[in-house]
Amino acid sequence: MPSRHAIYSWHERGHSDGHVKNFHLPLPEEVYAALREQADALSRPATVIAREAIEVWLRERQRASVREAIAEYAAKHAGTTSDLDPALEAASLQLWRKRRRKR
């Protein structure tokens, strides 16, 4: 059972904006024990540690989704006019050739 400190921490300090939803999450015994051990070691409520871990995972998934969407777009449009602006490509090649001649 969570301590009153953990409940107070979650509802009062961590999310004072009032937009908090509870989520029941059954954990395997090993995961639960490891979470409690870390919470005790850090002197922090296990609920806070679990919430922060979930938030980190969600941010990482969001970043991965964006990378995947960019890679899909790049693969789909490779070699087309959406891939690279012809005028920009010509200008970059001119600049590259000038730099090569100087060496």
N, C-alpha and C. Protein backbone atom coordinates (compact mmCIF):
# COMPACT_ATOMS: atom_id res chain seq x y z
N MET A 1 0.84 -1.18 0.00
CA MET A 1 0.00 0.00 0.00
C MET A 1 0.89 1.25 0.00
N PRO A 2 0.63 2.22 -0.88
CA PRO A 2 1.46 3.42 -0.91
C PRO A 2 1.32 4.21 0.39
N SER A 3 2.40 4.84 0.75
CA SER A 3 2.37 5.66 1.96
C SER A 3 1.58 6.94 1.71
N ARG A 4 1.16 7.56 2.79
CA ARG A 4 0.45 8.85 2.64
C ARG A 4 1.36 9.88 2.00
N HIS A 5 2.67 9.79 2.31
CA HIS A 5 3.62 10.72 1.70
C HIS A 5 3.62 10.59 0.18
N ALA A 6 3.60 9.36 -0.32
CA ALA A 6 3.59 9.13 -1.77
C ALA A 6 2.32 9.70 -2.40
N ILE A 7 1.20 9.47 -1.76
CA ILE A 7 -0.07 9.98 -2.28
C ILE A 7 -0.08 11.50 -2.24
N TYR A 8 0.34 12.08 -1.12
CA TYR A 8 0.40 13.54 -1.01
C TYR A 8 1.34 14.10 -2.08
N SER A 9 2.50 13.48 -2.23
CA SER A 9 3.48 13.95 -3.20
C SER A 9 2.89 13.98 -4.60
N TRP A 10 2.19 12.94 -4.96
CA TRP A 10 1.62 12.83 -6.31
C TRP A 10 0.53 13.86 -6.53
N HIS A 11 -0.40 13.97 -5.61
CA HIS A 11 -1.56 14.82 -5.83
C HIS A 11 -1.32 16.30 -5.51
N GLU A 12 -0.52 16.57 -4.53
CA GLU A 12 -0.36 17.96 -4.12
C GLU A 12 0.86 18.65 -4.72
N ARG A 13 2.00 18.01 -4.64
CA ARG A 13 3.22 18.66 -5.11
C ARG A 13 3.48 18.42 -6.59
N GLY A 14 3.31 17.20 -7.03
CA GLY A 14 3.69 16.84 -8.39
C GLY A 14 2.74 17.35 -9.45
N HIS A 15 1.45 17.42 -9.12
CA HIS A 15 0.46 17.79 -10.13
C HIS A 15 -0.61 18.67 -9.51
N SER A 16 -0.24 19.86 -9.17
CA SER A 16 -1.17 20.77 -8.51
C SER A 16 -2.15 21.40 -9.48
N ASP A 17 -2.03 21.10 -10.77
CA ASP A 17 -2.95 21.70 -11.74
C ASP A 17 -4.31 21.01 -11.75
N GLY A 18 -4.46 19.90 -11.02
CA GLY A 18 -5.75 19.23 -10.93
C GLY A 18 -6.05 18.30 -12.08
N HIS A 19 -5.15 18.13 -13.01
CA HIS A 19 -5.37 17.27 -14.17
C HIS A 19 -4.61 15.95 -14.00
N VAL A 20 -4.98 15.21 -12.99
CA VAL A 20 -4.31 13.96 -12.67
C VAL A 20 -5.28 12.81 -12.84
N LYS A 21 -4.83 11.76 -13.48
CA LYS A 21 -5.62 10.54 -13.62
C LYS A 21 -4.86 9.42 -12.94
N ASN A 22 -5.55 8.58 -12.22
CA ASN A 22 -4.92 7.41 -11.62
C ASN A 22 -4.90 6.28 -12.63
N PHE A 23 -3.87 5.45 -12.53
CA PHE A 23 -3.68 4.35 -13.46
C PHE A 23 -3.18 3.16 -12.66
N HIS A 24 -3.96 2.11 -12.60
CA HIS A 24 -3.57 0.92 -11.86
C HIS A 24 -2.66 0.08 -12.75
N LEU A 25 -1.47 -0.23 -12.25
CA LEU A 25 -0.49 -0.95 -13.05
C LEU A 25 0.07 -2.13 -12.28
N PRO A 26 -0.47 -3.32 -12.50
CA PRO A 26 0.10 -4.50 -11.84
C PRO A 26 1.53 -4.73 -12.33
N LEU A 27 2.43 -5.01 -11.42
CA LEU A 27 3.84 -5.24 -11.77
C LEU A 27 4.27 -6.63 -11.33
N PRO A 28 5.15 -7.25 -12.11
CA PRO A 28 5.74 -8.50 -11.64
C PRO A 28 6.51 -8.24 -10.34
N GLU A 29 6.58 -9.23 -9.50
CA GLU A 29 7.21 -9.08 -8.18
C GLU A 29 8.63 -8.50 -8.29
N GLU A 30 9.42 -8.97 -9.29
CA GLU A 30 10.81 -8.50 -9.41
C GLU A 30 10.85 -7.01 -9.75
N VAL A 31 9.96 -6.56 -10.61
CA VAL A 31 9.92 -5.15 -11.01
C VAL A 31 9.47 -4.30 -9.82
N TYR A 32 8.46 -4.78 -9.12
CA TYR A 32 7.96 -4.06 -7.95
C TYR A 32 9.07 -3.92 -6.90
N ALA A 33 9.77 -5.03 -6.63
CA ALA A 33 10.83 -5.01 -5.63
C ALA A 33 11.95 -4.05 -6.04
N ALA A 34 12.33 -4.06 -7.32
CA ALA A 34 13.39 -3.17 -7.80
C ALA A 34 12.96 -1.71 -7.71
N LEU A 35 11.72 -1.45 -8.03
CA LEU A 35 11.20 -0.08 -7.94
C LEU A 35 11.21 0.39 -6.50
N ARG A 36 10.74 -0.45 -5.57
CA ARG A 36 10.74 -0.08 -4.16
C ARG A 36 12.15 0.14 -3.64
N GLU A 37 13.08 -0.72 -4.08
CA GLU A 37 14.47 -0.58 -3.65
C GLU A 37 15.05 0.76 -4.09
N GLN A 38 14.80 1.13 -5.34
CA GLN A 38 15.29 2.41 -5.84
C GLN A 38 14.61 3.58 -5.14
N ALA A 39 13.33 3.46 -4.90
CA ALA A 39 12.59 4.51 -4.19
C ALA A 39 13.18 4.73 -2.81
N ASP A 40 13.44 3.64 -2.11
CA ASP A 40 14.04 3.75 -0.77
C ASP A 40 15.44 4.34 -0.84
N ALA A 41 16.23 3.89 -1.82
CA ALA A 41 17.60 4.38 -1.96
C ALA A 41 17.63 5.88 -2.26
N LEU A 42 16.66 6.34 -3.01
CA LEU A 42 16.61 7.75 -3.41
C LEU A 42 15.76 8.60 -2.47
N SER A 43 15.13 7.95 -1.51
CA SER A 43 14.21 8.64 -0.59
C SER A 43 13.13 9.41 -1.36
N ARG A 44 12.59 8.72 -2.36
CA ARG A 44 11.54 9.32 -3.18
C ARG A 44 10.39 8.32 -3.28
N PRO A 45 9.19 8.81 -3.45
CA PRO A 45 8.06 7.89 -3.61
C PRO A 45 8.19 7.06 -4.88
N ALA A 46 7.85 5.79 -4.78
CA ALA A 46 7.90 4.89 -5.93
C ALA A 46 7.00 5.39 -7.05
N THR A 47 5.87 5.99 -6.70
CA THR A 47 4.95 6.49 -7.73
C THR A 47 5.60 7.58 -8.57
N VAL A 48 6.40 8.41 -7.94
CA VAL A 48 7.08 9.49 -8.67
C VAL A 48 8.12 8.90 -9.62
N ILE A 49 8.88 7.94 -9.13
CA ILE A 49 9.90 7.30 -9.97
C ILE A 49 9.24 6.59 -11.15
N ALA A 50 8.16 5.88 -10.90
CA ALA A 50 7.46 5.17 -11.98
C ALA A 50 6.89 6.17 -12.99
N ARG A 51 6.28 7.25 -12.51
CA ARG A 51 5.72 8.25 -13.42
C ARG A 51 6.81 8.89 -14.27
N GLU A 52 7.94 9.22 -13.66
CA GLU A 52 9.04 9.83 -14.43
C GLU A 52 9.57 8.86 -15.48
N ALA A 53 9.67 7.57 -15.13
CA ALA A 53 10.14 6.58 -16.10
C ALA A 53 9.18 6.47 -17.27
N ILE A 54 7.90 6.50 -16.99
CA ILE A 54 6.90 6.44 -18.07
C ILE A 54 6.98 7.69 -18.94
N GLU A 55 7.14 8.86 -18.31
CA GLU A 55 7.25 10.10 -19.07
C GLU A 55 8.47 10.08 -19.99
N VAL A 56 9.61 9.57 -19.50
CA VAL A 56 10.82 9.47 -20.31
C VAL A 56 10.56 8.55 -21.49
N TRP A 57 9.95 7.39 -21.24
CA TRP A 57 9.67 6.44 -22.31
C TRP A 57 8.76 7.06 -23.37
N LEU A 58 7.73 7.78 -22.93
CA LEU A 58 6.81 8.41 -23.87
C LEU A 58 7.52 9.46 -24.72
N ARG A 59 8.41 10.26 -24.11
CA ARG A 59 9.18 11.25 -24.89
C ARG A 59 10.07 10.55 -25.92
N GLU A 60 10.72 9.46 -25.50
CA GLU A 60 11.57 8.72 -26.42
C GLU A 60 10.76 8.13 -27.58
N ARG A 61 9.59 7.62 -27.31
CA ARG A 61 8.71 7.08 -28.35
C ARG A 61 8.27 8.18 -29.31
N GLN A 62 7.97 9.36 -28.78
CA GLN A 62 7.58 10.48 -29.63
C GLN A 62 8.72 10.85 -30.57
N ARG A 63 9.94 10.94 -30.03
CA ARG A 63 11.10 11.26 -30.86
C ARG A 63 11.32 10.18 -31.92
N ALA A 64 11.18 8.93 -31.52
CA ALA A 64 11.35 7.83 -32.47
C ALA A 64 10.30 7.90 -33.57
N SER A 65 9.07 8.24 -33.21
CA SER A 65 8.00 8.36 -34.21
C SER A 65 8.31 9.46 -35.22
N VAL A 66 8.84 10.57 -34.74
CA VAL A 66 9.20 11.67 -35.64
C VAL A 66 10.34 11.23 -36.56
N ARG A 67 11.37 10.58 -35.99
CA ARG A 67 12.48 10.09 -36.82
C ARG A 67 11.98 9.11 -37.88
N GLU A 68 11.09 8.21 -37.48
CA GLU A 68 10.55 7.24 -38.43
C GLU A 68 9.76 7.92 -39.54
N ALA A 69 8.98 8.92 -39.19
CA ALA A 69 8.20 9.65 -40.19
C ALA A 69 9.11 10.39 -41.16
N ILE A 70 10.17 10.99 -40.64
CA ILE A 70 11.13 11.69 -41.51
C ILE A 70 11.82 10.70 -42.44
N ALA A 71 12.25 9.56 -41.90
CA ALA A 71 12.93 8.55 -42.72
C ALA A 71 11.98 8.01 -43.79
N GLU A 72 10.73 7.80 -43.45
CA GLU A 72 9.74 7.31 -44.42
C GLU A 72 9.53 8.34 -45.53
N TYR A 73 9.42 9.61 -45.14
CA TYR A 73 9.25 10.68 -46.12
C TYR A 73 10.47 10.76 -47.03
N ALA A 74 11.66 10.70 -46.43
CA ALA A 74 12.88 10.80 -47.22
C ALA A 74 13.00 9.65 -48.21
N ALA A 75 12.67 8.43 -47.77
CA ALA A 75 12.74 7.27 -48.65
C ALA A 75 11.72 7.38 -49.77
N LYS A 76 10.54 7.85 -49.45
CA LYS A 76 9.46 7.96 -50.44
C LYS A 76 9.79 9.01 -51.51
N HIS A 77 10.44 10.10 -51.09
CA HIS A 77 10.67 11.21 -52.01
C HIS A 77 12.11 11.30 -52.52
N ALA A 78 12.92 10.30 -52.24
CA ALA A 78 14.31 10.32 -52.70
C ALA A 78 14.36 10.39 -54.23
N GLY A 79 15.17 11.31 -54.73
CA GLY A 79 15.34 11.45 -56.16
C GLY A 79 14.28 12.28 -56.85
N THR A 80 13.30 12.76 -56.12
CA THR A 80 12.27 13.61 -56.71
C THR A 80 12.60 15.07 -56.44
N THR A 81 11.80 15.98 -56.98
CA THR A 81 12.02 17.40 -56.72
C THR A 81 11.78 17.75 -55.26
N SER A 82 11.06 16.90 -54.54
CA SER A 82 10.87 17.12 -53.10
C SER A 82 12.14 16.77 -52.33
N ASP A 83 13.00 15.99 -52.95
CA ASP A 83 14.23 15.55 -52.29
C ASP A 83 15.19 16.73 -52.11
N LEU A 84 15.41 17.48 -53.18
CA LEU A 84 16.33 18.61 -53.11
C LEU A 84 15.95 19.62 -54.17
N ASP A 85 15.95 20.84 -53.81
CA ASP A 85 15.65 21.92 -54.73
C ASP A 85 16.78 22.00 -55.76
N PRO A 86 16.46 21.91 -57.06
CA PRO A 86 17.50 21.93 -58.10
C PRO A 86 18.38 23.18 -58.05
N ALA A 87 17.81 24.34 -57.77
CA ALA A 87 18.61 25.56 -57.70
C ALA A 87 19.56 25.51 -56.50
N LEU A 88 19.10 25.01 -55.39
CA LEU A 88 19.95 24.88 -54.20
C LEU A 88 21.06 23.86 -54.46
N GLU A 89 20.73 22.77 -55.12
CA GLU A 89 21.73 21.76 -55.45
C GLU A 89 22.81 22.36 -56.36
N ALA A 90 22.41 23.11 -57.37
CA ALA A 90 23.37 23.72 -58.30
C ALA A 90 24.27 24.70 -57.56
N ALA A 91 23.70 25.50 -56.70
CA ALA A 91 24.49 26.47 -55.94
C ALA A 91 25.50 25.76 -55.03
N SER A 92 25.07 24.68 -54.39
CA SER A 92 26.00 23.97 -53.49
C SER A 92 27.12 23.31 -54.28
N LEU A 93 26.80 22.79 -55.47
CA LEU A 93 27.84 22.17 -56.29
C LEU A 93 28.86 23.21 -56.76
N GLN A 94 28.39 24.41 -57.11
CA GLN A 94 29.31 25.48 -57.51
C GLN A 94 30.23 25.83 -56.36
N LEU A 95 29.71 25.97 -55.18
CA LEU A 95 30.50 26.30 -54.00
C LEU A 95 31.50 25.18 -53.72
N TRP A 96 31.07 23.95 -53.83
CA TRP A 96 31.94 22.81 -53.57
C TRP A 96 33.09 22.77 -54.58
N ARG A 97 32.78 23.03 -55.86
CA ARG A 97 33.83 23.02 -56.90
C ARG A 97 34.85 24.12 -56.65
N LYS A 98 34.41 25.31 -56.25
CA LYS A 98 35.34 26.41 -55.97
C LYS A 98 36.27 26.03 -54.82
N ARG A 99 35.75 25.42 -53.81
CA ARG A 99 36.59 25.02 -52.66
C ARG A 99 37.59 23.95 -53.05
N ARG A 100 37.20 23.04 -53.92
CA ARG A 100 38.10 21.95 -54.35
C ARG A 100 39.26 22.51 -55.15
N ARG A 101 39.01 23.50 -55.99
CA ARG A 101 40.07 24.09 -56.84
C ARG A 101 41.12 24.78 -55.98
N LYS A 102 40.71 25.39 -54.85
CA LYS A 102 41.64 26.11 -54.00
C LYS A 102 42.65 25.18 -53.32
N ARG A 103 42.31 23.93 -53.16
CA ARG A 103 43.20 22.99 -52.46
C ARG A 103 44.28 22.56 -53.33
